[in-house]
Amino acid sequence: MSVRVLVVDDEQDELALLTTHLRRAGCDVVAVGTAEAALGDDDHLAVDAAFVDLRLPGMDGWSLIRELLERRPGLPVVVMSVLDPGDYPAVDAVLPKPFTGAGVREALDTAVPGWADRGTG
């Protein structure tokens, strides 16, 4: 069974690039552009990890992360942002922008140890 990952980013190019990197790594990806879209469908929350941009329109990434962890305690969260890492909330892994495929895999390794051992779905 592959790892299912929620990706939330309002920048369509970044969303598409991260989705591509995660799919190449063998992940099943749920990609949305807003926090409200992420929270609006319970299927979006049935994931093994979440990659969240901090600067989102409407509900920001900090608020989304709090809500995700309230609804899914223990959910591994990766912050992706252009902001200074000192401004990131406490999460499982960070993915500073701009990111690379290697950076995406490293963040996934940190947030979901053993994810690659699950095989593909």
PDB file of N, CA and C in Angstrom:
ATOM      1  N   MET A   1       0.855  -1.180   0.000  1.00  0.00           N
ATOM      2  CA  MET A   1       0.000   0.000   0.000  1.00  0.00           C
ATOM      3  C   MET A   1       0.899   1.241   0.000  1.00  0.00           C
ATOM      4  N   SER A   2       0.630   2.161  -0.894  1.00  0.00           N
ATOM      5  CA  SER A   2       1.447   3.370  -0.981  1.00  0.00           C
ATOM      6  C   SER A   2       1.060   4.366   0.109  1.00  0.00           C
ATOM      7  N   VAL A   3       1.947   5.303   0.333  1.00  0.00           N
ATOM      8  CA  VAL A   3       1.711   6.370   1.299  1.00  0.00           C
ATOM      9  C   VAL A   3       0.801   7.394   0.645  1.00  0.00           C
ATOM     10  N   ARG A   4      -0.231   7.816   1.371  1.00  0.00           N
ATOM     11  CA  ARG A   4      -1.174   8.824   0.860  1.00  0.00           C
ATOM     12  C   ARG A   4      -0.831  10.155   1.517  1.00  0.00           C
ATOM     13  N   VAL A   5      -0.618  11.185   0.681  1.00  0.00           N
ATOM     14  CA  VAL A   5      -0.146  12.472   1.156  1.00  0.00           C
ATOM     15  C   VAL A   5      -1.099  13.583   0.729  1.00  0.00           C
ATOM     16  N   LEU A   6      -1.454  14.445   1.680  1.00  0.00           N
ATOM     17  CA  LEU A   6      -2.213  15.658   1.399  1.00  0.00           C
ATOM     18  C   LEU A   6      -1.217  16.779   1.150  1.00  0.00           C
ATOM     19  N   VAL A   7      -1.392  17.519   0.057  1.00  0.00           N
ATOM     20  CA  VAL A   7      -0.560  18.674  -0.259  1.00  0.00           C
ATOM     21  C   VAL A   7      -1.470  19.896  -0.351  1.00  0.00           C
ATOM     22  N   VAL A   8      -1.127  20.944   0.412  1.00  0.00           N
ATOM     23  CA  VAL A   8      -1.920  22.173   0.397  1.00  0.00           C
ATOM     24  C   VAL A   8      -1.001  23.336   0.043  1.00  0.00           C
ATOM     25  N   ASP A   9      -1.217  23.908  -1.141  1.00  0.00           N
ATOM     26  CA  ASP A   9      -0.424  25.054  -1.604  1.00  0.00           C
ATOM     27  C   ASP A   9      -1.265  25.829  -2.610  1.00  0.00           C
ATOM     28  N   ASP A  10      -1.340  27.146  -2.437  1.00  0.00           N
ATOM     29  CA  ASP A  10      -2.150  27.962  -3.345  1.00  0.00           C
ATOM     30  C   ASP A  10      -1.420  28.322  -4.632  1.00  0.00           C
ATOM     31  N   GLU A  11      -0.103  28.117  -4.675  1.00  0.00           N
ATOM     32  CA  GLU A  11       0.673  28.376  -5.895  1.00  0.00           C
ATOM     33  C   GLU A  11       0.570  27.139  -6.784  1.00  0.00           C
ATOM     34  N   GLN A  12      -0.160  27.253  -7.895  1.00  0.00           N
ATOM     35  CA  GLN A  12      -0.436  26.087  -8.732  1.00  0.00           C
ATOM     36  C   GLN A  12       0.830  25.428  -9.276  1.00  0.00           C
ATOM     37  N   ASP A  13       1.841  26.220  -9.638  1.00  0.00           N
ATOM     38  CA  ASP A  13       3.087  25.635 -10.141  1.00  0.00           C
ATOM     39  C   ASP A  13       3.773  24.802  -9.063  1.00  0.00           C
ATOM     40  N   GLU A  14       3.814  25.337  -7.852  1.00  0.00           N
ATOM     41  CA  GLU A  14       4.451  24.615  -6.736  1.00  0.00           C
ATOM     42  C   GLU A  14       3.647  23.365  -6.386  1.00  0.00           C
ATOM     43  N   LEU A  15       2.322  23.492  -6.398  1.00  0.00           N
ATOM     44  CA  LEU A  15       1.444  22.361  -6.104  1.00  0.00           C
ATOM     45  C   LEU A  15       1.687  21.240  -7.122  1.00  0.00           C
ATOM     46  N   ALA A  16       1.752  21.602  -8.398  1.00  0.00           N
ATOM     47  CA  ALA A  16       1.977  20.608  -9.450  1.00  0.00           C
ATOM     48  C   ALA A  16       3.360  19.978  -9.327  1.00  0.00           C
ATOM     49  N   LEU A  17       4.385  20.795  -9.045  1.00  0.00           N
ATOM     50  CA  LEU A  17       5.745  20.272  -8.921  1.00  0.00           C
ATOM     51  C   LEU A  17       5.862  19.313  -7.738  1.00  0.00           C
ATOM     52  N   LEU A  18       5.328  19.696  -6.594  1.00  0.00           N
ATOM     53  CA  LEU A  18       5.404  18.824  -5.421  1.00  0.00           C
ATOM     54  C   LEU A  18       4.617  17.539  -5.651  1.00  0.00           C
ATOM     55  N   THR A  19       3.465  17.658  -6.273  1.00  0.00           N
ATOM     56  CA  THR A  19       2.664  16.471  -6.594  1.00  0.00           C
ATOM     57  C   THR A  19       3.460  15.520  -7.486  1.00  0.00           C
ATOM     58  N   THR A  20       4.141  16.076  -8.491  1.00  0.00           N
ATOM     59  CA  THR A  20       4.962  15.259  -9.384  1.00  0.00           C
ATOM     60  C   THR A  20       6.073  14.548  -8.615  1.00  0.00           C
ATOM     61  N   HIS A  21       6.792  15.277  -7.765  1.00  0.00           N
ATOM     62  CA  HIS A  21       7.875  14.661  -6.987  1.00  0.00           C
ATOM     63  C   HIS A  21       7.338  13.545  -6.084  1.00  0.00           C
ATOM     64  N   LEU A  22       6.220  13.782  -5.424  1.00  0.00           N
ATOM     65  CA  LEU A  22       5.660  12.774  -4.519  1.00  0.00           C
ATOM     66  C   LEU A  22       5.162  11.547  -5.291  1.00  0.00           C
ATOM     67  N   ARG A  23       4.542  11.773  -6.433  1.00  0.00           N
ATOM     68  CA  ARG A  23       4.077  10.635  -7.237  1.00  0.00           C
ATOM     69  C   ARG A  23       5.254   9.825  -7.768  1.00  0.00           C
ATOM     70  N   ARG A  24       6.324  10.502  -8.168  1.00  0.00           N
ATOM     71  CA  ARG A  24       7.528   9.786  -8.621  1.00  0.00           C
ATOM     72  C   ARG A  24       8.119   8.951  -7.499  1.00  0.00           C
ATOM     73  N   ALA A  25       7.920   9.401  -6.262  1.00  0.00           N
ATOM     74  CA  ALA A  25       8.404   8.651  -5.100  1.00  0.00           C
ATOM     75  C   ALA A  25       7.469   7.498  -4.748  1.00  0.00           C
ATOM     76  N   GLY A  26       6.344   7.391  -5.462  1.00  0.00           N
ATOM     77  CA  GLY A  26       5.412   6.292  -5.240  1.00  0.00           C
ATOM     78  C   GLY A  26       4.242   6.615  -4.336  1.00  0.00           C
ATOM     79  N   CYS A  27       4.035   7.895  -4.047  1.00  0.00           N
ATOM     80  CA  CYS A  27       2.945   8.300  -3.161  1.00  0.00           C
ATOM     81  C   CYS A  27       1.648   8.528  -3.931  1.00  0.00           C
ATOM     82  N   ASP A  28       0.549   8.331  -3.249  1.00  0.00           N
ATOM     83  CA  ASP A  28      -0.775   8.718  -3.729  1.00  0.00           C
ATOM     84  C   ASP A  28      -0.996  10.126  -3.182  1.00  0.00           C
ATOM     85  N   VAL A  29      -1.318  11.097  -4.035  1.00  0.00           N
ATOM     86  CA  VAL A  29      -1.374  12.492  -3.625  1.00  0.00           C
ATOM     87  C   VAL A  29      -2.781  13.058  -3.741  1.00  0.00           C
ATOM     88  N   VAL A  30      -3.198  13.770  -2.681  1.00  0.00           N
ATOM     89  CA  VAL A  30      -4.413  14.576  -2.687  1.00  0.00           C
ATOM     90  C   VAL A  30      -3.925  16.014  -2.669  1.00  0.00           C
ATOM     91  N   ALA A  31      -4.120  16.749  -3.764  1.00  0.00           N
ATOM     92  CA  ALA A  31      -3.605  18.109  -3.887  1.00  0.00           C
ATOM     93  C   ALA A  31      -4.743  19.118  -3.906  1.00  0.00           C
ATOM     94  N   VAL A  32      -4.650  20.115  -3.012  1.00  0.00           N
ATOM     95  CA  VAL A  32      -5.666  21.171  -2.946  1.00  0.00           C
ATOM     96  C   VAL A  32      -4.971  22.522  -2.788  1.00  0.00           C
ATOM     97  N   GLY A  33      -5.703  23.597  -3.125  1.00  0.00           N
ATOM     98  CA  GLY A  33      -5.123  24.925  -3.113  1.00  0.00           C
ATOM     99  C   GLY A  33      -5.414  25.777  -1.900  1.00  0.00           C
ATOM    100  N   THR A  34      -6.304  25.314  -1.020  1.00  0.00           N
ATOM    101  CA  THR A  34      -6.628  26.104   0.165  1.00  0.00           C
ATOM    102  C   THR A  34      -6.826  25.204   1.381  1.00  0.00           C
ATOM    103  N   ALA A  35      -6.691  25.811   2.542  1.00  0.00           N
ATOM    104  CA  ALA A  35      -6.947  25.082   3.795  1.00  0.00           C
ATOM    105  C   ALA A  35      -8.401  24.650   3.859  1.00  0.00           C
ATOM    106  N   GLU A  36      -9.270  25.532   3.407  1.00  0.00           N
ATOM    107  CA  GLU A  36     -10.704  25.220   3.457  1.00  0.00           C
ATOM    108  C   GLU A  36     -11.032  23.995   2.605  1.00  0.00           C
ATOM    109  N   ALA A  37     -10.390  23.885   1.442  1.00  0.00           N
ATOM    110  CA  ALA A  37     -10.604  22.703   0.593  1.00  0.00           C
ATOM    111  C   ALA A  37     -10.072  21.446   1.275  1.00  0.00           C
ATOM    112  N   ALA A  38      -8.945  21.572   1.950  1.00  0.00           N
ATOM    113  CA  ALA A  38      -8.370  20.420   2.653  1.00  0.00           C
ATOM    114  C   ALA A  38      -9.302  19.924   3.747  1.00  0.00           C
ATOM    115  N   LEU A  39      -9.882  20.852   4.476  1.00  0.00           N
ATOM    116  CA  LEU A  39     -10.733  20.487   5.608  1.00  0.00           C
ATOM    117  C   LEU A  39     -12.171  20.184   5.204  1.00  0.00           C
ATOM    118  N   GLY A  40     -12.549  20.558   3.985  1.00  0.00           N
ATOM    119  CA  GLY A  40     -13.931  20.430   3.552  1.00  0.00           C
ATOM    120  C   GLY A  40     -14.345  19.040   3.125  1.00  0.00           C
ATOM    121  N   ASP A  41     -13.419  18.115   3.013  1.00  0.00           N
ATOM    122  CA  ASP A  41     -13.726  16.757   2.566  1.00  0.00           C
ATOM    123  C   ASP A  41     -12.988  15.778   3.470  1.00  0.00           C
ATOM    124  N   ASP A  42     -13.719  14.975   4.209  1.00  0.00           N
ATOM    125  CA  ASP A  42     -13.089  14.027   5.132  1.00  0.00           C
ATOM    126  C   ASP A  42     -12.124  13.076   4.426  1.00  0.00           C
ATOM    127  N   ASP A  43     -12.362  12.793   3.142  1.00  0.00           N
ATOM    128  CA  ASP A  43     -11.452  11.928   2.388  1.00  0.00           C
ATOM    129  C   ASP A  43     -10.070  12.548   2.284  1.00  0.00           C
ATOM    130  N   HIS A  44      -9.992  13.879   2.259  1.00  0.00           N
ATOM    131  CA  HIS A  44      -8.701  14.556   2.197  1.00  0.00           C
ATOM    132  C   HIS A  44      -7.891  14.335   3.469  1.00  0.00           C
ATOM    133  N   LEU A  45      -8.576  14.026   4.562  1.00  0.00           N
ATOM    134  CA  LEU A  45      -7.890  13.841   5.845  1.00  0.00           C
ATOM    135  C   LEU A  45      -7.476  12.390   6.087  1.00  0.00           C
ATOM    136  N   ALA A  46      -7.900  11.488   5.200  1.00  0.00           N
ATOM    137  CA  ALA A  46      -7.530  10.074   5.318  1.00  0.00           C
ATOM    138  C   ALA A  46      -6.178   9.878   4.632  1.00  0.00           C
ATOM    139  N   VAL A  47      -5.153  10.476   5.233  1.00  0.00           N
ATOM    140  CA  VAL A  47      -3.810  10.477   4.648  1.00  0.00           C
ATOM    141  C   VAL A  47      -2.782  10.033   5.684  1.00  0.00           C
ATOM    142  N   ASP A  48      -1.581   9.721   5.186  1.00  0.00           N
ATOM    143  CA  ASP A  48      -0.484   9.312   6.057  1.00  0.00           C
ATOM    144  C   ASP A  48       0.405  10.481   6.461  1.00  0.00           C
ATOM    145  N   ALA A  49       0.312  11.597   5.710  1.00  0.00           N
ATOM    146  CA  ALA A  49       1.111  12.788   5.995  1.00  0.00           C
ATOM    147  C   ALA A  49       0.501  13.975   5.263  1.00  0.00           C
ATOM    148  N   ALA A  50       0.847  15.176   5.727  1.00  0.00           N
ATOM    149  CA  ALA A  50       0.374  16.399   5.076  1.00  0.00           C
ATOM    150  C   ALA A  50       1.550  17.338   4.844  1.00  0.00           C
ATOM    151  N   PHE A  51       1.646  17.876   3.635  1.00  0.00           N
ATOM    152  CA  PHE A  51       2.608  18.916   3.281  1.00  0.00           C
ATOM    153  C   PHE A  51       1.815  20.212   3.192  1.00  0.00           C
ATOM    154  N   VAL A  52       2.150  21.191   4.030  1.00  0.00           N
ATOM    155  CA  VAL A  52       1.354  22.409   4.135  1.00  0.00           C
ATOM    156  C   VAL A  52       2.211  23.650   3.915  1.00  0.00           C
ATOM    157  N   ASP A  53       1.779  24.501   2.976  1.00  0.00           N
ATOM    158  CA  ASP A  53       2.392  25.808   2.791  1.00  0.00           C
ATOM    159  C   ASP A  53       1.854  26.715   3.894  1.00  0.00           C
ATOM    160  N   LEU A  54       2.693  27.574   4.443  1.00  0.00           N
ATOM    161  CA  LEU A  54       2.247  28.455   5.521  1.00  0.00           C
ATOM    162  C   LEU A  54       1.448  29.649   5.021  1.00  0.00           C
ATOM    163  N   ARG A  55       1.810  30.165   3.857  1.00  0.00           N
ATOM    164  CA  ARG A  55       1.155  31.363   3.333  1.00  0.00           C
ATOM    165  C   ARG A  55       0.040  30.954   2.386  1.00  0.00           C
ATOM    166  N   LEU A  56      -1.144  30.819   2.936  1.00  0.00           N
ATOM    167  CA  LEU A  56      -2.326  30.436   2.168  1.00  0.00           C
ATOM    168  C   LEU A  56      -3.359  31.547   2.252  1.00  0.00           C
ATOM    169  N   PRO A  57      -4.189  31.703   1.216  1.00  0.00           N
ATOM    170  CA  PRO A  57      -5.286  32.671   1.303  1.00  0.00           C
ATOM    171  C   PRO A  57      -6.350  32.140   2.265  1.00  0.00           C
ATOM    172  N   GLY A  58      -7.108  33.020   2.871  1.00  0.00           N
ATOM    173  CA  GLY A  58      -8.117  32.564   3.832  1.00  0.00           C
ATOM    174  C   GLY A  58      -7.430  32.041   5.075  1.00  0.00           C
ATOM    175  N   MET A  59      -7.782  30.826   5.470  1.00  0.00           N
ATOM    176  CA  MET A  59      -7.132  30.205   6.625  1.00  0.00           C
ATOM    177  C   MET A  59      -5.660  29.962   6.296  1.00  0.00           C
ATOM    178  N   ASP A  60      -4.754  30.460   7.137  1.00  0.00           N
ATOM    179  CA  ASP A  60      -3.330  30.296   6.860  1.00  0.00           C
ATOM    180  C   ASP A  60      -2.838  28.907   7.276  1.00  0.00           C
ATOM    181  N   GLY A  61      -1.588  28.629   6.918  1.00  0.00           N
ATOM    182  CA  GLY A  61      -1.018  27.314   7.189  1.00  0.00           C
ATOM    183  C   GLY A  61      -0.885  26.987   8.662  1.00  0.00           C
ATOM    184  N   TRP A  62      -0.571  27.991   9.483  1.00  0.00           N
ATOM    185  CA  TRP A  62      -0.460  27.750  10.921  1.00  0.00           C
ATOM    186  C   TRP A  62      -1.805  27.252  11.470  1.00  0.00           C
ATOM    187  N   SER A  63      -2.888  27.923  11.071  1.00  0.00           N
ATOM    188  CA  SER A  63      -4.230  27.529  11.534  1.00  0.00           C
ATOM    189  C   SER A  63      -4.614  26.167  10.983  1.00  0.00           C
ATOM    190  N   LEU A  64      -4.261  25.916   9.722  1.00  0.00           N
ATOM    191  CA  LEU A  64      -4.564  24.618   9.128  1.00  0.00           C
ATOM    192  C   LEU A  64      -3.853  23.499   9.878  1.00  0.00           C
ATOM    193  N   ILE A  65      -2.596  23.698  10.186  1.00  0.00           N
ATOM    194  CA  ILE A  65      -1.847  22.669  10.913  1.00  0.00           C
ATOM    195  C   ILE A  65      -2.486  22.392  12.266  1.00  0.00           C
ATOM    196  N   ARG A  66      -2.859  23.436  12.987  1.00  0.00           N
ATOM    197  CA  ARG A  66      -3.545  23.224  14.285  1.00  0.00           C
ATOM    198  C   ARG A  66      -4.816  22.407  14.090  1.00  0.00           C
ATOM    199  N   GLU A  67      -5.606  22.744  13.070  1.00  0.00           N
ATOM    200  CA  GLU A  67      -6.862  22.036  12.822  1.00  0.00           C
ATOM    201  C   GLU A  67      -6.615  20.587  12.394  1.00  0.00           C
ATOM    202  N   LEU A  68      -5.631  20.378  11.527  1.00  0.00           N
ATOM    203  CA  LEU A  68      -5.310  19.012  11.106  1.00  0.00           C
ATOM    204  C   LEU A  68      -4.934  18.146  12.304  1.00  0.00           C
ATOM    205  N   LEU A  69      -4.090  18.697  13.186  1.00  0.00           N
ATOM    206  CA  LEU A  69      -3.643  17.919  14.340  1.00  0.00           C
ATOM    207  C   LEU A  69      -4.737  17.726  15.378  1.00  0.00           C
ATOM    208  N   GLU A  70      -5.697  18.644  15.398  1.00  0.00           N
ATOM    209  CA  GLU A  70      -6.847  18.456  16.285  1.00  0.00           C
ATOM    210  C   GLU A  70      -7.720  17.309  15.764  1.00  0.00           C
ATOM    211  N   ARG A  71      -7.925  17.283  14.459  1.00  0.00           N
ATOM    212  CA  ARG A  71      -8.758  16.243  13.849  1.00  0.00           C
ATOM    213  C   ARG A  71      -8.026  14.906  13.713  1.00  0.00           C
ATOM    214  N   ARG A  72      -6.715  14.966  13.490  1.00  0.00           N
ATOM    215  CA  ARG A  72      -5.894  13.770  13.268  1.00  0.00           C
ATOM    216  C   ARG A  72      -4.652  13.829  14.145  1.00  0.00           C
ATOM    217  N   PRO A  73      -4.790  13.647  15.459  1.00  0.00           N
ATOM    218  CA  PRO A  73      -3.618  13.696  16.339  1.00  0.00           C
ATOM    219  C   PRO A  73      -2.538  12.726  15.851  1.00  0.00           C
ATOM    220  N   GLY A  74      -1.303  13.211  15.840  1.00  0.00           N
ATOM    221  CA  GLY A  74      -0.196  12.372  15.421  1.00  0.00           C
ATOM    222  C   GLY A  74       0.061  12.357  13.924  1.00  0.00           C
ATOM    223  N   LEU A  75      -0.775  13.039  13.136  1.00  0.00           N
ATOM    224  CA  LEU A  75      -0.552  13.088  11.694  1.00  0.00           C
ATOM    225  C   LEU A  75       0.796  13.751  11.409  1.00  0.00           C
ATOM    226  N   PRO A  76       1.685  13.101  10.667  1.00  0.00           N
ATOM    227  CA  PRO A  76       2.954  13.745  10.317  1.00  0.00           C
ATOM    228  C   PRO A  76       2.701  14.943   9.397  1.00  0.00           C
ATOM    229  N   VAL A  77       3.293  16.084   9.766  1.00  0.00           N
ATOM    230  CA  VAL A  77       3.115  17.309   8.992  1.00  0.00           C
ATOM    231  C   VAL A  77       4.477  17.829   8.550  1.00  0.00           C
ATOM    232  N   VAL A  78       4.540  18.214   7.280  1.00  0.00           N
ATOM    233  CA  VAL A  78       5.725  18.837   6.702  1.00  0.00           C
ATOM    234  C   VAL A  78       5.342  20.268   6.328  1.00  0.00           C
ATOM    235  N   VAL A  79       6.104  21.243   6.804  1.00  0.00           N
ATOM    236  CA  VAL A  79       5.898  22.635   6.423  1.00  0.00           C
ATOM    237  C   VAL A  79       6.768  22.923   5.214  1.00  0.00           C
ATOM    238  N   MET A  80       6.160  23.555   4.220  1.00  0.00           N
ATOM    239  CA  MET A  80       6.919  24.034   3.071  1.00  0.00           C
ATOM    240  C   MET A  80       6.657  25.522   2.950  1.00  0.00           C
ATOM    241  N   SER A  81       7.740  26.288   2.853  1.00  0.00           N
ATOM    242  CA  SER A  81       7.567  27.733   2.853  1.00  0.00           C
ATOM    243  C   SER A  81       8.833  28.441   2.396  1.00  0.00           C
ATOM    244  N   VAL A  82       8.660  29.701   1.979  1.00  0.00           N
ATOM    245  CA  VAL A  82       9.797  30.568   1.680  1.00  0.00           C
ATOM    246  C   VAL A  82      10.195  31.355   2.921  1.00  0.00           C
ATOM    247  N   LEU A  83       9.382  31.269   3.969  1.00  0.00           N
ATOM    248  CA  LEU A  83       9.672  32.000   5.196  1.00  0.00           C
ATOM    249  C   LEU A  83      10.891  31.414   5.904  1.00  0.00           C
ATOM    250  N   ASP A  84      11.440  32.182   6.814  1.00  0.00           N
ATOM    251  CA  ASP A  84      12.572  31.728   7.614  1.00  0.00           C
ATOM    252  C   ASP A  84      12.141  30.525   8.460  1.00  0.00           C
ATOM    253  N   PRO A  85      12.926  29.442   8.467  1.00  0.00           N
ATOM    254  CA  PRO A  85      12.553  28.264   9.259  1.00  0.00           C
ATOM    255  C   PRO A  85      12.288  28.571  10.732  1.00  0.00           C
ATOM    256  N   GLY A  86      12.849  29.659  11.257  1.00  0.00           N
ATOM    257  CA  GLY A  86      12.560  30.042  12.633  1.00  0.00           C
ATOM    258  C   GLY A  86      11.115  30.452  12.844  1.00  0.00           C
ATOM    259  N   ASP A  87      10.405  30.738  11.749  1.00  0.00           N
ATOM    260  CA  ASP A  87       8.996  31.130  11.833  1.00  0.00           C
ATOM    261  C   ASP A  87       8.044  29.952  11.677  1.00  0.00           C
ATOM    262  N   TYR A  88       8.587  28.759  11.413  1.00  0.00           N
ATOM    263  CA  TYR A  88       7.744  27.585  11.203  1.00  0.00           C
ATOM    264  C   TYR A  88       7.179  27.097  12.542  1.00  0.00           C
ATOM    265  N   PRO A  89       5.968  26.554  12.539  1.00  0.00           N
ATOM    266  CA  PRO A  89       5.461  25.901  13.752  1.00  0.00           C
ATOM    267  C   PRO A  89       6.205  24.593  13.975  1.00  0.00           C
ATOM    268  N   ALA A  90       6.051  24.015  15.146  1.00  0.00           N
ATOM    269  CA  ALA A  90       6.672  22.719  15.451  1.00  0.00           C
ATOM    270  C   ALA A  90       5.963  21.643  14.632  1.00  0.00           C
ATOM    271  N   VAL A  91       6.727  21.011  13.729  1.00  0.00           N
ATOM    272  CA  VAL A  91       6.185  19.970  12.858  1.00  0.00           C
ATOM    273  C   VAL A  91       7.208  18.840  12.738  1.00  0.00           C
ATOM    274  N   ASP A  92       6.849  17.819  11.992  1.00  0.00           N
ATOM    275  CA  ASP A  92       7.714  16.649  11.851  1.00  0.00           C
ATOM    276  C   ASP A  92       8.892  16.867  10.908  1.00  0.00           C
ATOM    277  N   ALA A  93       8.701  17.704   9.883  1.00  0.00           N
ATOM    278  CA  ALA A  93       9.766  17.957   8.909  1.00  0.00           C
ATOM    279  C   ALA A  93       9.504  19.290   8.223  1.00  0.00           C
ATOM    280  N   VAL A  94      10.561  19.831   7.609  1.00  0.00           N
ATOM    281  CA  VAL A  94      10.429  21.089   6.875  1.00  0.00           C
ATOM    282  C   VAL A  94      10.952  20.890   5.454  1.00  0.00           C
ATOM    283  N   LEU A  95      10.366  21.658   4.536  1.00  0.00           N
ATOM    284  CA  LEU A  95      10.760  21.631   3.140  1.00  0.00           C
ATOM    285  C   LEU A  95      10.824  23.075   2.656  1.00  0.00           C
ATOM    286  N   PRO A  96      11.981  23.720   2.862  1.00  0.00           N
ATOM    287  CA  PRO A  96      12.095  25.111   2.414  1.00  0.00           C
ATOM    288  C   PRO A  96      11.932  25.212   0.895  1.00  0.00           C
ATOM    289  N   LYS A  97      11.269  26.288   0.463  1.00  0.00           N
ATOM    290  CA  LYS A  97      11.134  26.554  -0.972  1.00  0.00           C
ATOM    291  C   LYS A  97      12.277  27.455  -1.405  1.00  0.00           C
ATOM    292  N   PRO A  98      12.788  27.305  -2.596  1.00  0.00           N
ATOM    293  CA  PRO A  98      12.397  26.307  -3.599  1.00  0.00           C
ATOM    294  C   PRO A  98      12.925  24.928  -3.203  1.00  0.00           C
ATOM    295  N   PHE A  99      12.172  23.901  -3.556  1.00  0.00           N
ATOM    296  CA  PHE A  99      12.553  22.548  -3.160  1.00  0.00           C
ATOM    297  C   PHE A  99      12.988  21.735  -4.367  1.00  0.00           C
ATOM    298  N   THR A 100      13.657  20.635  -4.072  1.00  0.00           N
ATOM    299  CA  THR A 100      14.109  19.689  -5.096  1.00  0.00           C
ATOM    300  C   THR A 100      13.459  18.341  -4.824  1.00  0.00           C
ATOM    301  N   GLY A 101      13.567  17.453  -5.788  1.00  0.00           N
ATOM    302  CA  GLY A 101      13.049  16.097  -5.580  1.00  0.00           C
ATOM    303  C   GLY A 101      13.733  15.414  -4.415  1.00  0.00           C
ATOM    304  N   ALA A 102      15.042  15.622  -4.285  1.00  0.00           N
ATOM    305  CA  ALA A 102      15.774  15.029  -3.167  1.00  0.00           C
ATOM    306  C   ALA A 102      15.285  15.611  -1.842  1.00  0.00           C
ATOM    307  N   GLY A 103      15.007  16.902  -1.809  1.00  0.00           N
ATOM    308  CA  GLY A 103      14.487  17.543  -0.603  1.00  0.00           C
ATOM    309  C   GLY A 103      13.123  17.012  -0.219  1.00  0.00           C
ATOM    310  N   VAL A 104      12.282  16.753  -1.219  1.00  0.00           N
ATOM    311  CA  VAL A 104      10.947  16.195  -0.968  1.00  0.00           C
ATOM    312  C   VAL A 104      11.082  14.806  -0.350  1.00  0.00           C
ATOM    313  N   ARG A 105      11.937  13.973  -0.919  1.00  0.00           N
ATOM    314  CA  ARG A 105      12.128  12.616  -0.377  1.00  0.00           C
ATOM    315  C   ARG A 105      12.715  12.661   1.029  1.00  0.00           C
ATOM    316  N   GLU A 106      13.636  13.591   1.278  1.00  0.00           N
ATOM    317  CA  GLU A 106      14.224  13.725   2.611  1.00  0.00           C
ATOM    318  C   GLU A 106      13.159  14.131   3.633  1.00  0.00           C
ATOM    319  N   ALA A 107      12.303  15.081   3.265  1.00  0.00           N
ATOM    320  CA  ALA A 107      11.221  15.500   4.171  1.00  0.00           C
ATOM    321  C   ALA A 107      10.271  14.335   4.440  1.00  0.00           C
ATOM    322  N   LEU A 108       9.958  13.570   3.407  1.00  0.00           N
ATOM    323  CA  LEU A 108       9.083  12.410   3.565  1.00  0.00           C
ATOM    324  C   LEU A 108       9.737  11.360   4.458  1.00  0.00           C
ATOM    325  N   ASP A 109      11.045  11.133   4.271  1.00  0.00           N
ATOM    326  CA  ASP A 109      11.781  10.186   5.121  1.00  0.00           C
ATOM    327  C   ASP A 109      11.719  10.599   6.587  1.00  0.00           C
ATOM    328  N   THR A 110      11.848  11.899   6.839  1.00  0.00           N
ATOM    329  CA  THR A 110      11.832  12.406   8.209  1.00  0.00           C
ATOM    330  C   THR A 110      10.437  12.317   8.820  1.00  0.00           C
ATOM    331  N   ALA A 111       9.417  12.689   8.050  1.00  0.00           N
ATOM    332  CA  ALA A 111       8.051  12.730   8.574  1.00  0.00           C
ATOM    333  C   ALA A 111       7.420  11.347   8.691  1.00  0.00           C
ATOM    334  N   VAL A 112       7.708  10.485   7.731  1.00  0.00           N
ATOM    335  CA  VAL A 112       7.089   9.149   7.691  1.00  0.00           C
ATOM    336  C   VAL A 112       8.196   8.106   7.534  1.00  0.00           C
ATOM    337  N   PRO A 113       8.940   7.824   8.632  1.00  0.00           N
ATOM    338  CA  PRO A 113      10.011   6.832   8.529  1.00  0.00           C
ATOM    339  C   PRO A 113       9.482   5.496   8.001  1.00  0.00           C
ATOM    340  N   GLY A 114      10.233   4.919   7.087  1.00  0.00           N
ATOM    341  CA  GLY A 114       9.836   3.622   6.535  1.00  0.00           C
ATOM    342  C   GLY A 114       8.803   3.685   5.425  1.00  0.00           C
ATOM    343  N   TRP A 115       8.458   4.902   4.980  1.00  0.00           N
ATOM    344  CA  TRP A 115       7.418   5.030   3.949  1.00  0.00           C
ATOM    345  C   TRP A 115       7.772   4.248   2.694  1.00  0.00           C
ATOM    346  N   ALA A 116       9.037   4.217   2.319  1.00  0.00           N
ATOM    347  CA  ALA A 116       9.439   3.541   1.086  1.00  0.00           C
ATOM    348  C   ALA A 116       9.266   2.025   1.188  1.00  0.00           C
ATOM    349  N   ASP A 117       9.262   1.501   2.400  1.00  0.00           N
ATOM    350  CA  ASP A 117       9.107   0.056   2.597  1.00  0.00           C
ATOM    351  C   ASP A 117       7.679  -0.414   2.381  1.00  0.00           C
ATOM    352  N   ARG A 118       6.753   0.522   2.264  1.00  0.00           N
ATOM    353  CA  ARG A 118       5.351   0.152   2.078  1.00  0.00           C
ATOM    354  C   ARG A 118       5.067  -0.307   0.648  1.00  0.00           C
ATOM    355  N   GLY A 119       5.988  -0.037  -0.264  1.00  0.00           N
ATOM    356  CA  GLY A 119       5.759  -0.421  -1.660  1.00  0.00           C
ATOM    357  C   GLY A 119       4.760   0.503  -2.301  1.00  0.00           C
ATOM    358  N   THR A 120       4.378   0.186  -3.501  1.00  0.00           N
ATOM    359  CA  THR A 120       3.386   1.001  -4.197  1.00  0.00           C
ATOM    360  C   THR A 120       2.105   0.224  -4.315  1.00  0.00           C
ATOM    361  N   GLY A 121       1.037   0.999  -4.318  1.00  0.00           N
ATOM    362  CA  GLY A 121      -0.240   0.471  -4.160  1.00  0.00           C
ATOM    363  C   GLY A 121      -0.952  -0.281  -5.099  1.00  0.00           C
TER     364      GLY A 121
END
